[in-house]
Amino acid sequence: MTFDRRTVMALAAAGMAGTAFGQTPPPGSNVPVPRGLYQPTETIDLWPDGAPGAPAKPLVETVNERSTDAQLTDRAVFGISRPRMVVFRPSQPNGAAVLITPGGGYRWVVVDKEGYEMGRWLAARGYTVFVLFYRLPGEGWAAGPDVGLSDAQRAMRLIRSRAATYGIDPARVGAMGFSAGGHLCADLATRFDVKTYEPVDDADALSARPFIAAPIYPVIAMQKPNAHAGSREKLLGTAPTAAAEKRLSPHMNVPDNAPPFFLLHAEDDDAVPVENSYLMRAALRAKGILTETHVFAHGGHGFGLRKAIGKPVEAWPDLFLGFARAQGL
């Protein structure tokens, strides 16, 4: 296994050189794990007989590579007709798992920056990670705006049904999502009991409730002025009713048994207003749900791991780990 000079220097600066030999990196090592480490080991299709409610015109899965750096991929995927999870297995599993829902404004799924990179980072710290390729609501599926939630619910149930295979505790399965994927994460954590599809096997008798939820710079509100316009339109169209907006706004659907939440945002987010996280926090606290919230002055939107380096917001992954461990994940 070889690394370029820039990667080696970054590893050394962050104290991660030992990661290449299967060791767990120390706290504070928040640079992305090199692509050669913790590659996804397998893919799990969500639906054994194909995803339900397919559009009349078959979709063509398309991958846009947005990076101009040969050392760094930044793929955005749309036309997903085969919803699935890719699995990152740790070398030293800690018995817990995390389902990751990357962002993309419900226009596409940003699988590297908000999926694979975080999958490697968490796997290097003992977590078994499942990155979700979920269906998109504007592509003609019968479930409409609930199609992503159907995939997220099914994913949580499948992970629990296969817990023995992965050496994880079926109770200790958390959820993390970014931007629009943060909306899907929060939607899952508030509407986990809502029936969005017909059961297909025994896995669907299991709970879809995450052990903890971590929406990162999340889309939450569907109401103006705080809604992210692109996500709102993809989910609800150009002229949604107030009832439709409410049904797809997680802060307006918090049940009494919602899981603990970890919320993270930057004040200078120019895409998804920080008020989205404030609204979610207020709704959770009103229900007495344990909530930890971190708001940074600078960070912008979509920082993930790579764009947080060198800024105060780069502390966020370790803040999440502290929260997760305190809750028993």
Foldseek 3Di string as FASTA:
>chain_A
DDDDPVVVVLCVVQVNPCVVVQAQGDARSQAFDFCVAQDFDDKAFLDPVWDPQDAPDQFDKDWDFPDPDPRDTWIWIASDRGKIWTKGAAPAAPQAEEEEFEDDLLPTGGCGLRNVRVCRNVSSNHYIYIYIRFHGQQNGGPLRLCRRLVSLLSVLLVCLVCSVVRNHHNQRYAYEYFEQGLLSQLLCLQPQPPDRDDDDDPSNVDTSHGQETERELYQAFLDPPQGQVSSNCRRANDDHDPVSRLNSHSLNRHDLPGHEYEYEEECQAPRGHPVSVVSNVVSCVVSVHHYHYDYHPDDYGSCRRNNCPPHPCNSVVVVVVVVSVVSPD
